[in-house]
């Protein structure tokens, strides 16, 4: 799997759309840290949840 995210990218989590739009903060291996507008900072395992770039 190739992660196609960079810090600053806007994304949504298709499994939790109520989190709102998030901005990628950092990527370390498969861990993507995203700051979502409705729930704050979350660390997402990109192998389990595929974020959608917007």
PDB file of N, CA and C in Angstrom:
ATOM      1  N   UNK A   1       0.842  -1.188   0.000  1.00  0.00           N
ATOM      2  CA  UNK A   1       0.000   0.000   0.000  1.00  0.00           C
ATOM      3  C   UNK A   1       0.881   1.243   0.000  1.00  0.00           C
ATOM      4  N   UNK A   2       0.598   2.162  -0.872  1.00  0.00           N
ATOM      5  CA  UNK A   2       1.328   3.424  -0.926  1.00  0.00           C
ATOM      6  C   UNK A   2       0.442   4.507  -0.337  1.00  0.00           C
ATOM      7  N   UNK A   3       0.957   5.188   0.665  1.00  0.00           N
ATOM      8  CA  UNK A   3       0.187   6.259   1.286  1.00  0.00           C
ATOM      9  C   UNK A   3       0.329   7.516   0.447  1.00  0.00           C
ATOM     10  N   UNK A   4      -0.800   8.052   0.049  1.00  0.00           N
ATOM     11  CA  UNK A   4      -0.813   9.217  -0.829  1.00  0.00           C
ATOM     12  C   UNK A   4      -1.256  10.458  -0.054  1.00  0.00           C
ATOM     13  N   UNK A   5      -0.675  10.645   1.140  1.00  0.00           N
ATOM     14  CA  UNK A   5      -1.001  11.790   1.974  1.00  0.00           C
ATOM     15  C   UNK A   5       0.267  12.586   2.263  1.00  0.00           C
ATOM     16  N   UNK A   6       0.087  13.875   2.412  1.00  0.00           N
ATOM     17  CA  UNK A   6       1.176  14.756   2.826  1.00  0.00           C
ATOM     18  C   UNK A   6       0.635  15.685   3.891  1.00  0.00           C
ATOM     19  N   UNK A   7       1.476  16.164   4.799  1.00  0.00           N
ATOM     20  CA  UNK A   7       1.003  17.149   5.773  1.00  0.00           C
ATOM     21  C   UNK A   7       0.353  18.339   5.065  1.00  0.00           C
ATOM     22  N   UNK A   8      -0.800  18.723   5.582  1.00  0.00           N
ATOM     23  CA  UNK A   8      -1.552  19.819   4.988  1.00  0.00           C
ATOM     24  C   UNK A   8      -2.718  19.355   4.134  1.00  0.00           C
ATOM     25  N   UNK A   9      -2.703  18.092   3.694  1.00  0.00           N
ATOM     26  CA  UNK A   9      -3.810  17.567   2.887  1.00  0.00           C
ATOM     27  C   UNK A   9      -5.102  17.552   3.700  1.00  0.00           C
ATOM     28  N   UNK A  10      -6.210  17.848   3.033  1.00  0.00           N
ATOM     29  CA  UNK A  10      -7.540  17.770   3.654  1.00  0.00           C
ATOM     30  C   UNK A  10      -8.118  16.400   3.335  1.00  0.00           C
ATOM     31  N   UNK A  11      -8.677  15.744   4.365  1.00  0.00           N
ATOM     32  CA  UNK A  11      -9.195  14.390   4.212  1.00  0.00           C
ATOM     33  C   UNK A  11     -10.504  14.226   4.994  1.00  0.00           C
ATOM     34  N   UNK A  12     -11.232  13.165   4.675  1.00  0.00           N
ATOM     35  CA  UNK A  12     -12.351  12.732   5.500  1.00  0.00           C
ATOM     36  C   UNK A  12     -12.159  11.251   5.801  1.00  0.00           C
ATOM     37  N   UNK A  13     -12.732  10.828   6.927  1.00  0.00           N
ATOM     38  CA  UNK A  13     -12.709   9.427   7.307  1.00  0.00           C
ATOM     39  C   UNK A  13     -14.061   8.841   6.904  1.00  0.00           C
ATOM     40  N   UNK A  14     -14.109   7.990   5.879  1.00  0.00           N
ATOM     41  CA  UNK A  14     -15.401   7.481   5.386  1.00  0.00           C
ATOM     42  C   UNK A  14     -16.162   6.665   6.430  1.00  0.00           C
ATOM     43  N   UNK A  15     -15.469   6.134   7.437  1.00  0.00           N
ATOM     44  CA  UNK A  15     -16.146   5.350   8.477  1.00  0.00           C
ATOM     45  C   UNK A  15     -16.703   6.243   9.584  1.00  0.00           C
ATOM     46  N   UNK A  16     -16.258   7.504   9.647  1.00  0.00           N
ATOM     47  CA  UNK A  16     -16.721   8.444  10.667  1.00  0.00           C
ATOM     48  C   UNK A  16     -16.882   9.824  10.043  1.00  0.00           C
ATOM     49  N   UNK A  17     -17.808   9.958   9.126  1.00  0.00           N
ATOM     50  CA  UNK A  17     -17.979  11.226   8.410  1.00  0.00           C
ATOM     51  C   UNK A  17     -18.382  12.368   9.337  1.00  0.00           C
ATOM     52  N   UNK A  18     -18.981  12.046  10.484  1.00  0.00           N
ATOM     53  CA  UNK A  18     -19.388  13.077  11.432  1.00  0.00           C
ATOM     54  C   UNK A  18     -18.180  13.757  12.100  1.00  0.00           C
ATOM     55  N   UNK A  19     -16.969  13.204  11.933  1.00  0.00           N
ATOM     56  CA  UNK A  19     -15.761  13.856  12.444  1.00  0.00           C
ATOM     57  C   UNK A  19     -15.475  15.143  11.683  1.00  0.00           C
ATOM     58  N   UNK A  20     -16.038  15.262  10.480  1.00  0.00           N
ATOM     59  CA  UNK A  20     -15.815  16.449   9.665  1.00  0.00           C
ATOM     60  C   UNK A  20     -14.549  16.340   8.840  1.00  0.00           C
ATOM     61  N   UNK A  21     -14.150  17.467   8.298  1.00  0.00           N
ATOM     62  CA  UNK A  21     -12.937  17.532   7.477  1.00  0.00           C
ATOM     63  C   UNK A  21     -11.728  17.573   8.395  1.00  0.00           C
ATOM     64  N   UNK A  22     -10.714  16.823   8.009  1.00  0.00           N
ATOM     65  CA  UNK A  22      -9.476  16.799   8.783  1.00  0.00           C
ATOM     66  C   UNK A  22      -8.300  17.260   7.955  1.00  0.00           C
ATOM     67  N   UNK A  23      -7.281  17.738   8.667  1.00  0.00           N
ATOM     68  CA  UNK A  23      -6.044  18.135   7.995  1.00  0.00           C
ATOM     69  C   UNK A  23      -4.926  17.238   8.499  1.00  0.00           C
ATOM     70  N   UNK A  24      -4.207  16.618   7.551  1.00  0.00           N
ATOM     71  CA  UNK A  24      -3.104  15.734   7.898  1.00  0.00           C
ATOM     72  C   UNK A  24      -1.996  16.550   8.572  1.00  0.00           C
ATOM     73  N   UNK A  25      -1.567  16.083   9.753  1.00  0.00           N
ATOM     74  CA  UNK A  25      -0.506  16.746  10.505  1.00  0.00           C
ATOM     75  C   UNK A  25       0.848  16.078  10.265  1.00  0.00           C
ATOM     76  N   UNK A  26       0.861  14.738  10.327  1.00  0.00           N
ATOM     77  CA  UNK A  26       2.115  14.015  10.136  1.00  0.00           C
ATOM     78  C   UNK A  26       1.831  12.587   9.691  1.00  0.00           C
ATOM     79  N   UNK A  27       2.848  11.971   9.096  1.00  0.00           N
ATOM     80  CA  UNK A  27       2.769  10.576   8.664  1.00  0.00           C
ATOM     81  C   UNK A  27       4.044   9.889   9.127  1.00  0.00           C
ATOM     82  N   UNK A  28       3.889   8.842   9.942  1.00  0.00           N
ATOM     83  CA  UNK A  28       5.024   8.044  10.391  1.00  0.00           C
ATOM     84  C   UNK A  28       4.663   6.590  10.124  1.00  0.00           C
ATOM     85  N   UNK A  29       5.350   6.009   9.133  1.00  0.00           N
ATOM     86  CA  UNK A  29       5.030   4.663   8.642  1.00  0.00           C
ATOM     87  C   UNK A  29       3.560   4.633   8.250  1.00  0.00           C
ATOM     88  N   UNK A  30       2.734   3.749   8.870  1.00  0.00           N
ATOM     89  CA  UNK A  30       1.320   3.669   8.492  1.00  0.00           C
ATOM     90  C   UNK A  30       0.432   4.543   9.374  1.00  0.00           C
ATOM     91  N   UNK A  31       1.007   5.254  10.329  1.00  0.00           N
ATOM     92  CA  UNK A  31       0.233   6.095  11.247  1.00  0.00           C
ATOM     93  C   UNK A  31       0.107   7.513  10.702  1.00  0.00           C
ATOM     94  N   UNK A  32      -1.135   7.929  10.455  1.00  0.00           N
ATOM     95  CA  UNK A  32      -1.403   9.265   9.924  1.00  0.00           C
ATOM     96  C   UNK A  32      -2.117  10.052  11.022  1.00  0.00           C
ATOM     97  N   UNK A  33      -1.497  11.138  11.476  1.00  0.00           N
ATOM     98  CA  UNK A  33      -2.111  12.001  12.483  1.00  0.00           C
ATOM     99  C   UNK A  33      -2.900  13.081  11.765  1.00  0.00           C
ATOM    100  N   UNK A  34      -4.193  13.158  12.111  1.00  0.00           N
ATOM    101  CA  UNK A  34      -5.105  14.084  11.439  1.00  0.00           C
ATOM    102  C   UNK A  34      -5.834  14.910  12.498  1.00  0.00           C
ATOM    103  N   UNK A  35      -5.947  16.214  12.265  1.00  0.00           N
ATOM    104  CA  UNK A  35      -6.711  17.090  13.145  1.00  0.00           C
ATOM    105  C   UNK A  35      -8.080  17.318  12.498  1.00  0.00           C
ATOM    106  N   UNK A  36      -9.122  16.680  13.070  1.00  0.00           N
ATOM    107  CA  UNK A  36     -10.477  16.785  12.532  1.00  0.00           C
ATOM    108  C   UNK A  36     -11.217  17.946  13.180  1.00  0.00           C
ATOM    109  N   UNK A  37     -12.087  18.612  12.397  1.00  0.00           N
ATOM    110  CA  UNK A  37     -12.776  19.805  12.869  1.00  0.00           C
ATOM    111  C   UNK A  37     -13.741  19.532  14.018  1.00  0.00           C
ATOM    112  N   UNK A  38     -14.339  18.345  14.100  1.00  0.00           N
ATOM    113  CA  UNK A  38     -15.342  18.073  15.129  1.00  0.00           C
ATOM    114  C   UNK A  38     -14.844  17.255  16.316  1.00  0.00           C
ATOM    115  N   UNK A  39     -13.727  16.547  16.161  1.00  0.00           N
ATOM    116  CA  UNK A  39     -13.258  15.664  17.249  1.00  0.00           C
ATOM    117  C   UNK A  39     -11.795  15.871  17.618  1.00  0.00           C
ATOM    118  N   UNK A  40     -11.129  16.786  16.956  1.00  0.00           N
ATOM    119  CA  UNK A  40      -9.735  17.049  17.287  1.00  0.00           C
ATOM    120  C   UNK A  40      -8.769  16.066  16.643  1.00  0.00           C
ATOM    121  N   UNK A  41      -7.641  15.888  17.304  1.00  0.00           N
ATOM    122  CA  UNK A  41      -6.546  15.102  16.732  1.00  0.00           C
ATOM    123  C   UNK A  41      -6.775  13.611  16.918  1.00  0.00           C
ATOM    124  N   UNK A  42      -6.610  12.868  15.835  1.00  0.00           N
ATOM    125  CA  UNK A  42      -6.732  11.408  15.852  1.00  0.00           C
ATOM    126  C   UNK A  42      -5.547  10.807  15.108  1.00  0.00           C
ATOM    127  N   UNK A  43      -5.079   9.657  15.586  1.00  0.00           N
ATOM    128  CA  UNK A  43      -4.034   8.904  14.888  1.00  0.00           C
ATOM    129  C   UNK A  43      -4.725   7.738  14.185  1.00  0.00           C
ATOM    130  N   UNK A  44      -4.609   7.704  12.860  1.00  0.00           N
ATOM    131  CA  UNK A  44      -5.296   6.721  12.027  1.00  0.00           C
ATOM    132  C   UNK A  44      -4.276   5.724  11.493  1.00  0.00           C
ATOM    133  N   UNK A  45      -4.588   4.433  11.608  1.00  0.00           N
ATOM    134  CA  UNK A  45      -3.772   3.405  10.970  1.00  0.00           C
ATOM    135  C   UNK A  45      -4.242   3.299   9.517  1.00  0.00           C
ATOM    136  N   UNK A  46      -3.425   3.773   8.594  1.00  0.00           N
ATOM    137  CA  UNK A  46      -3.816   3.849   7.185  1.00  0.00           C
ATOM    138  C   UNK A  46      -3.984   2.473   6.542  1.00  0.00           C
ATOM    139  N   UNK A  47      -3.483   1.410   7.195  1.00  0.00           N
ATOM    140  CA  UNK A  47      -3.714   0.068   6.656  1.00  0.00           C
ATOM    141  C   UNK A  47      -5.119  -0.424   6.988  1.00  0.00           C
ATOM    142  N   UNK A  48      -5.746   0.143   8.033  1.00  0.00           N
ATOM    143  CA  UNK A  48      -7.080  -0.282   8.441  1.00  0.00           C
ATOM    144  C   UNK A  48      -8.175   0.646   7.932  1.00  0.00           C
ATOM    145  N   UNK A  49      -7.879   1.934   7.847  1.00  0.00           N
ATOM    146  CA  UNK A  49      -8.861   2.924   7.408  1.00  0.00           C
ATOM    147  C   UNK A  49      -8.238   3.757   6.292  1.00  0.00           C
ATOM    148  N   UNK A  50      -8.883   3.746   5.140  1.00  0.00           N
ATOM    149  CA  UNK A  50      -8.370   4.526   4.008  1.00  0.00           C
ATOM    150  C   UNK A  50      -9.052   5.885   4.002  1.00  0.00           C
ATOM    151  N   UNK A  51      -8.284   6.903   4.330  1.00  0.00           N
ATOM    152  CA  UNK A  51      -8.800   8.273   4.306  1.00  0.00           C
ATOM    153  C   UNK A  51      -9.008   8.713   2.873  1.00  0.00           C
ATOM    154  N   UNK A  52      -9.991   9.583   2.664  1.00  0.00           N
ATOM    155  CA  UNK A  52     -10.285  10.082   1.324  1.00  0.00           C
ATOM    156  C   UNK A  52      -9.831  11.522   1.241  1.00  0.00           C
ATOM    157  N   UNK A  53      -8.924  11.807   0.287  1.00  0.00           N
ATOM    158  CA  UNK A  53      -8.473  13.184   0.074  1.00  0.00           C
ATOM    159  C   UNK A  53      -9.575  13.991  -0.592  1.00  0.00           C
ATOM    160  N   UNK A  54      -9.705  15.249  -0.156  1.00  0.00           N
ATOM    161  CA  UNK A  54     -10.713  16.129  -0.778  1.00  0.00           C
ATOM    162  C   UNK A  54     -10.036  17.383  -1.296  1.00  0.00           C
TER     163      UNK A  54
END
